N, C-alpha and C. Protein backbone atom coordinates (compact mmCIF):
# COMPACT_ATOMS: atom_id res chain seq x y z
N UNK A 1 0.88 79.67 98.54
CA UNK A 1 1.12 78.39 99.03
C UNK A 1 1.06 77.43 97.79
N UNK A 2 1.95 76.60 97.61
CA UNK A 2 2.02 75.65 96.55
C UNK A 2 0.92 74.56 96.71
N UNK A 3 0.44 74.00 95.74
CA UNK A 3 -0.69 72.99 95.80
C UNK A 3 -0.29 71.83 96.71
N UNK A 4 0.92 71.39 96.56
CA UNK A 4 1.31 70.24 97.38
C UNK A 4 1.33 70.64 98.85
N UNK A 5 1.75 71.74 99.19
CA UNK A 5 1.69 72.24 100.60
C UNK A 5 0.27 72.46 101.06
N UNK A 6 -0.53 72.97 100.16
CA UNK A 6 -1.98 73.13 100.41
C UNK A 6 -2.64 71.81 100.73
N UNK A 7 -2.26 70.78 100.02
CA UNK A 7 -2.89 69.43 100.31
C UNK A 7 -2.56 68.94 101.65
N UNK A 8 -1.32 69.27 102.18
CA UNK A 8 -0.88 68.77 103.42
C UNK A 8 -1.68 69.50 104.48
N UNK A 9 -1.98 70.68 104.40
CA UNK A 9 -2.64 71.49 105.44
C UNK A 9 -4.14 71.54 105.30
N UNK A 10 -4.54 70.90 104.16
CA UNK A 10 -6.08 70.94 103.91
C UNK A 10 -7.00 70.48 105.00
N UNK A 11 -6.78 69.27 105.64
CA UNK A 11 -7.62 68.90 106.73
C UNK A 11 -7.73 69.83 107.82
N UNK A 12 -6.51 70.43 108.21
CA UNK A 12 -6.51 71.43 109.25
C UNK A 12 -7.30 72.70 108.85
N UNK A 13 -7.17 73.11 107.60
CA UNK A 13 -7.82 74.24 107.12
C UNK A 13 -9.37 74.09 107.11
N UNK A 14 -9.81 72.96 106.80
CA UNK A 14 -11.33 72.69 106.95
C UNK A 14 -11.83 72.77 108.41
N UNK A 15 -11.04 72.21 109.30
CA UNK A 15 -11.30 72.26 110.76
C UNK A 15 -11.33 73.81 111.14
N UNK A 16 -10.37 74.55 110.72
CA UNK A 16 -10.33 75.97 111.08
C UNK A 16 -11.61 76.73 110.51
N UNK A 17 -11.98 76.34 109.28
CA UNK A 17 -13.09 77.00 108.74
C UNK A 17 -14.35 76.64 109.55
N UNK A 18 -14.50 75.29 109.87
CA UNK A 18 -15.59 74.86 110.71
C UNK A 18 -15.59 75.68 112.10
N UNK A 19 -14.46 76.02 112.53
CA UNK A 19 -14.35 76.69 113.76
C UNK A 19 -14.51 78.20 113.60
N UNK A 20 -14.89 78.63 112.40
CA UNK A 20 -15.22 80.00 111.96
C UNK A 20 -14.02 80.89 112.01
N UNK A 21 -12.87 80.36 111.67
CA UNK A 21 -11.63 81.23 111.60
C UNK A 21 -11.56 81.84 110.15
N UNK A 22 -11.67 83.14 110.16
CA UNK A 22 -11.73 83.91 108.93
C UNK A 22 -10.46 83.78 108.19
N UNK A 23 -9.37 83.75 108.85
CA UNK A 23 -8.04 83.57 108.22
C UNK A 23 -7.97 82.38 107.37
N UNK A 24 -8.63 81.25 107.91
CA UNK A 24 -8.72 80.04 107.10
C UNK A 24 -9.51 80.05 105.82
N UNK A 25 -10.51 80.90 105.93
CA UNK A 25 -11.40 81.14 104.80
C UNK A 25 -10.64 81.96 103.71
N UNK A 26 -9.78 82.89 104.26
CA UNK A 26 -8.92 83.71 103.32
C UNK A 26 -7.96 82.80 102.57
N UNK A 27 -7.32 81.83 103.32
CA UNK A 27 -6.40 80.89 102.80
C UNK A 27 -7.14 80.06 101.69
N UNK A 28 -8.30 79.51 101.97
CA UNK A 28 -9.13 78.74 100.94
C UNK A 28 -9.34 79.60 99.75
N UNK A 29 -9.75 80.78 99.93
CA UNK A 29 -10.02 81.73 98.90
C UNK A 29 -8.75 81.99 97.97
N UNK A 30 -7.62 82.21 98.72
CA UNK A 30 -6.43 82.41 97.93
C UNK A 30 -6.03 81.26 97.03
N UNK A 31 -6.32 80.06 97.51
CA UNK A 31 -5.92 78.84 96.76
C UNK A 31 -6.90 78.50 95.69
N UNK A 32 -8.25 78.82 95.87
CA UNK A 32 -9.28 78.29 94.86
C UNK A 32 -9.98 79.29 94.09
N UNK A 33 -9.87 80.52 94.47
CA UNK A 33 -10.82 81.59 93.88
C UNK A 33 -10.54 81.68 92.41
N UNK A 34 -9.26 81.67 91.99
CA UNK A 34 -8.99 81.96 90.56
C UNK A 34 -9.60 80.92 89.75
N UNK A 35 -9.61 79.68 90.11
CA UNK A 35 -10.11 78.42 89.38
C UNK A 35 -11.71 78.66 89.32
N UNK A 36 -12.22 78.99 90.50
CA UNK A 36 -13.69 79.20 90.52
C UNK A 36 -14.15 80.44 89.62
N UNK A 37 -13.41 81.45 89.74
CA UNK A 37 -13.68 82.64 88.86
C UNK A 37 -13.57 82.32 87.44
N UNK A 38 -12.54 81.68 87.01
CA UNK A 38 -12.31 81.24 85.62
C UNK A 38 -13.37 80.44 85.13
N UNK A 39 -13.94 79.49 85.87
CA UNK A 39 -15.01 78.67 85.41
C UNK A 39 -16.26 79.47 85.12
N UNK A 40 -16.51 80.45 86.03
CA UNK A 40 -17.67 81.30 85.97
C UNK A 40 -17.58 82.21 84.78
N UNK A 41 -16.39 82.86 84.60
CA UNK A 41 -16.24 83.72 83.45
C UNK A 41 -16.24 83.02 82.14
N UNK A 42 -15.77 81.80 82.15
CA UNK A 42 -15.83 81.05 80.84
C UNK A 42 -17.21 80.93 80.29
N UNK A 43 -18.20 80.81 81.23
CA UNK A 43 -19.51 80.63 80.82
C UNK A 43 -20.32 82.02 80.60
N UNK A 44 -20.06 82.83 81.57
CA UNK A 44 -20.85 84.16 81.51
C UNK A 44 -20.18 85.20 80.52
N UNK A 45 -18.95 85.07 80.33
CA UNK A 45 -18.21 86.10 79.62
C UNK A 45 -18.37 87.43 80.17
N UNK A 46 -18.52 87.62 81.43
CA UNK A 46 -18.82 88.76 82.12
C UNK A 46 -18.09 88.73 83.45
N UNK A 47 -16.98 89.59 83.63
CA UNK A 47 -16.31 89.72 84.79
C UNK A 47 -17.01 89.92 86.08
N UNK A 48 -18.00 90.93 86.05
CA UNK A 48 -18.75 91.22 87.19
C UNK A 48 -19.63 90.01 87.64
N UNK A 49 -20.28 89.41 86.68
CA UNK A 49 -21.08 88.21 86.95
C UNK A 49 -20.13 87.10 87.49
N UNK A 50 -19.02 86.88 86.95
CA UNK A 50 -18.08 85.85 87.40
C UNK A 50 -17.69 86.18 88.87
N UNK A 51 -17.43 87.43 89.13
CA UNK A 51 -16.91 87.87 90.51
C UNK A 51 -18.03 87.56 91.52
N UNK A 52 -19.28 87.98 91.11
CA UNK A 52 -20.38 87.77 92.02
C UNK A 52 -20.75 86.21 92.32
N UNK A 53 -20.57 85.47 91.31
CA UNK A 53 -20.71 84.01 91.36
C UNK A 53 -19.58 83.43 92.30
N UNK A 54 -18.41 83.87 92.06
CA UNK A 54 -17.30 83.40 92.93
C UNK A 54 -17.47 83.70 94.32
N UNK A 55 -17.90 84.94 94.65
CA UNK A 55 -18.19 85.31 96.04
C UNK A 55 -19.33 84.46 96.57
N UNK A 56 -20.35 84.25 95.79
CA UNK A 56 -21.44 83.41 96.31
C UNK A 56 -21.06 82.08 96.60
N UNK A 57 -20.24 81.44 95.82
CA UNK A 57 -19.75 80.06 96.06
C UNK A 57 -18.95 79.97 97.35
N UNK A 58 -18.06 80.96 97.61
CA UNK A 58 -17.36 81.00 98.82
C UNK A 58 -18.20 81.29 100.02
N UNK A 59 -19.19 82.14 99.93
CA UNK A 59 -20.12 82.45 101.03
C UNK A 59 -20.87 81.09 101.42
N UNK A 60 -21.26 80.30 100.40
CA UNK A 60 -21.83 79.05 100.63
C UNK A 60 -20.98 78.14 101.58
N UNK A 61 -19.65 78.11 101.27
CA UNK A 61 -18.77 77.31 102.07
C UNK A 61 -18.83 77.85 103.48
N UNK A 62 -18.67 79.13 103.58
CA UNK A 62 -18.66 79.81 104.92
C UNK A 62 -19.86 79.56 105.71
N UNK A 63 -21.04 79.66 105.02
CA UNK A 63 -22.29 79.58 105.67
C UNK A 63 -22.68 78.17 105.93
N UNK A 64 -22.05 77.25 105.35
CA UNK A 64 -22.43 75.79 105.58
C UNK A 64 -21.13 74.96 105.93
N UNK A 65 -20.42 75.29 107.06
CA UNK A 65 -19.25 74.60 107.32
C UNK A 65 -19.52 73.17 107.63
N UNK A 66 -20.65 72.74 108.00
CA UNK A 66 -20.95 71.33 108.35
C UNK A 66 -20.74 70.46 107.17
N UNK A 67 -20.83 70.99 105.94
CA UNK A 67 -20.55 70.24 104.61
C UNK A 67 -19.20 69.83 104.59
N UNK A 68 -18.27 70.34 105.42
CA UNK A 68 -16.89 70.06 105.31
C UNK A 68 -16.42 68.97 106.25
N UNK A 69 -17.37 68.35 106.96
CA UNK A 69 -17.10 67.19 107.85
C UNK A 69 -18.07 66.11 107.62
N UNK A 70 -17.76 64.98 108.25
CA UNK A 70 -18.64 63.80 108.06
C UNK A 70 -18.26 62.96 106.89
N UNK A 71 -19.14 61.94 106.56
CA UNK A 71 -18.83 61.03 105.45
C UNK A 71 -18.80 61.64 104.08
N UNK A 72 -19.51 62.85 103.92
CA UNK A 72 -19.57 63.46 102.59
C UNK A 72 -18.52 64.51 102.47
N UNK A 73 -17.62 64.69 103.40
CA UNK A 73 -16.60 65.71 103.45
C UNK A 73 -15.56 65.51 102.38
N UNK A 74 -15.15 66.61 101.75
CA UNK A 74 -14.12 66.52 100.69
C UNK A 74 -12.81 65.92 101.27
N UNK A 75 -12.28 64.97 100.60
CA UNK A 75 -11.06 64.19 101.06
C UNK A 75 -9.80 64.97 100.83
N UNK A 76 -9.81 65.71 99.78
CA UNK A 76 -8.62 66.52 99.47
C UNK A 76 -9.00 67.82 98.80
N UNK A 77 -8.02 68.75 98.68
CA UNK A 77 -8.36 70.02 97.97
C UNK A 77 -9.02 69.85 96.60
N UNK A 78 -8.55 68.79 95.84
CA UNK A 78 -9.04 68.66 94.46
C UNK A 78 -10.64 68.31 94.50
N UNK A 79 -11.02 67.60 95.50
CA UNK A 79 -12.48 67.24 95.55
C UNK A 79 -13.27 68.54 95.84
N UNK A 80 -12.86 69.29 96.81
CA UNK A 80 -13.48 70.52 97.10
C UNK A 80 -13.43 71.49 95.93
N UNK A 81 -12.29 71.58 95.35
CA UNK A 81 -12.20 72.48 94.15
C UNK A 81 -13.10 72.14 93.02
N UNK A 82 -13.20 70.81 92.74
CA UNK A 82 -14.10 70.40 91.68
C UNK A 82 -15.55 70.70 92.02
N UNK A 83 -15.91 70.52 93.28
CA UNK A 83 -17.26 70.71 93.76
C UNK A 83 -17.59 72.24 93.59
N UNK A 84 -16.69 73.13 94.07
CA UNK A 84 -16.88 74.59 93.92
C UNK A 84 -16.97 75.00 92.47
N UNK A 85 -16.07 74.49 91.66
CA UNK A 85 -16.12 74.84 90.22
C UNK A 85 -17.45 74.42 89.60
N UNK A 86 -17.86 73.25 89.99
CA UNK A 86 -19.18 72.74 89.44
C UNK A 86 -20.32 73.63 89.88
N UNK A 87 -20.27 74.01 91.16
CA UNK A 87 -21.33 74.92 91.67
C UNK A 87 -21.28 76.28 90.94
N UNK A 88 -20.06 76.77 90.67
CA UNK A 88 -19.94 78.01 89.96
C UNK A 88 -20.43 77.90 88.49
N UNK A 89 -20.10 76.81 87.83
CA UNK A 89 -20.62 76.60 86.54
C UNK A 89 -22.17 76.51 86.51
N UNK A 90 -22.67 75.83 87.43
CA UNK A 90 -24.16 75.82 87.46
C UNK A 90 -24.74 77.13 87.65
N UNK A 91 -24.24 77.94 88.65
CA UNK A 91 -24.69 79.38 88.81
C UNK A 91 -24.51 80.25 87.59
N UNK A 92 -23.39 80.03 86.94
CA UNK A 92 -23.12 80.78 85.63
C UNK A 92 -24.16 80.46 84.60
N UNK A 93 -24.51 79.19 84.40
CA UNK A 93 -25.45 78.92 83.47
C UNK A 93 -26.88 79.51 83.85
N UNK A 94 -27.18 79.45 85.08
CA UNK A 94 -28.39 80.11 85.55
C UNK A 94 -28.42 81.60 85.24
N UNK A 95 -27.16 82.23 85.41
CA UNK A 95 -26.98 83.60 85.17
C UNK A 95 -27.36 83.94 83.67
N UNK A 96 -26.76 83.06 82.85
CA UNK A 96 -26.91 83.28 81.39
C UNK A 96 -28.28 83.08 80.89
N UNK A 97 -29.08 82.20 81.50
CA UNK A 97 -30.54 82.00 81.05
C UNK A 97 -31.47 82.95 81.84
N UNK A 98 -30.85 83.88 82.58
CA UNK A 98 -31.62 84.87 83.25
C UNK A 98 -32.27 84.50 84.59
N UNK A 99 -31.87 83.36 85.17
CA UNK A 99 -32.39 83.04 86.57
C UNK A 99 -31.34 83.58 87.59
N UNK A 100 -31.25 84.82 87.63
CA UNK A 100 -30.32 85.45 88.64
C UNK A 100 -30.95 85.66 89.86
N UNK A 101 -30.31 85.28 90.95
CA UNK A 101 -30.89 85.63 92.31
C UNK A 101 -30.94 87.11 92.45
N UNK A 102 -31.90 87.64 93.16
CA UNK A 102 -31.98 89.06 93.45
C UNK A 102 -30.71 89.76 93.92
N UNK A 103 -29.92 88.95 94.73
CA UNK A 103 -28.67 89.64 95.32
C UNK A 103 -27.66 89.83 94.24
N UNK A 104 -27.93 89.23 92.98
CA UNK A 104 -27.06 89.47 91.84
C UNK A 104 -27.32 90.65 90.95
N UNK A 105 -28.42 91.26 91.29
CA UNK A 105 -28.85 92.47 90.52
C UNK A 105 -27.89 93.54 90.71
N UNK A 106 -27.42 94.18 89.56
CA UNK A 106 -26.46 95.18 89.52
C UNK A 106 -26.83 96.29 90.52
N UNK A 107 -28.02 96.71 90.65
CA UNK A 107 -28.36 97.80 91.63
C UNK A 107 -28.19 97.31 93.15
N UNK A 108 -28.02 96.09 93.32
CA UNK A 108 -27.88 95.55 94.67
C UNK A 108 -26.38 95.43 95.02
N UNK A 109 -25.52 95.68 94.07
CA UNK A 109 -24.03 95.52 94.36
C UNK A 109 -23.60 96.54 95.49
N UNK A 110 -22.94 95.92 96.45
CA UNK A 110 -22.45 96.82 97.49
C UNK A 110 -21.15 97.37 97.21
N UNK A 111 -20.62 98.26 97.91
CA UNK A 111 -19.30 98.85 97.72
C UNK A 111 -18.29 97.80 97.68
N UNK A 112 -17.12 98.08 97.00
CA UNK A 112 -16.06 97.02 96.81
C UNK A 112 -15.55 96.54 98.19
N UNK A 113 -15.63 97.23 99.26
CA UNK A 113 -15.26 96.68 100.57
C UNK A 113 -16.09 95.44 100.91
N UNK A 114 -17.26 95.40 100.49
CA UNK A 114 -18.14 94.18 100.82
C UNK A 114 -17.95 93.17 99.76
N UNK A 115 -17.99 93.55 98.48
CA UNK A 115 -17.95 92.52 97.39
C UNK A 115 -16.60 92.35 96.80
N UNK A 116 -15.59 93.00 97.10
CA UNK A 116 -14.27 92.92 96.61
C UNK A 116 -13.63 91.55 96.94
N UNK A 117 -12.60 91.21 96.18
CA UNK A 117 -11.94 89.91 96.53
C UNK A 117 -11.45 89.90 97.92
N UNK A 118 -11.45 88.79 98.61
CA UNK A 118 -11.02 88.69 99.94
C UNK A 118 -9.57 89.05 100.03
N UNK A 119 -9.19 89.81 101.03
CA UNK A 119 -7.82 90.27 101.18
C UNK A 119 -7.32 89.63 102.55
N UNK A 120 -6.12 89.25 102.49
CA UNK A 120 -5.57 88.70 103.76
C UNK A 120 -4.98 89.77 104.61
């Protein structure tokens, strides 16, 4: 989906995510994951770390759909994208200084079915 088209369906997409529609989350991932991944990888210089950080950022969106509504809700995809990239950068810096959450430990990595990129 082109960015302009994405901007047009963005409000509906957020509503669908709030309604716990997995397909909407996959659409969001398809649109924003590369940008979030690149931001993480630029800091960590580690593809696995960047992948885990990217997954964690998207899990936070899925786990906290209430953040997608109300006065603090992102007005457009650019706002959400910037917030997710900023969160990824913050997590990447923590990764680099050794403050890694336990779920990021390599021995805790689940099979690719669980941790792989979202597939539509």
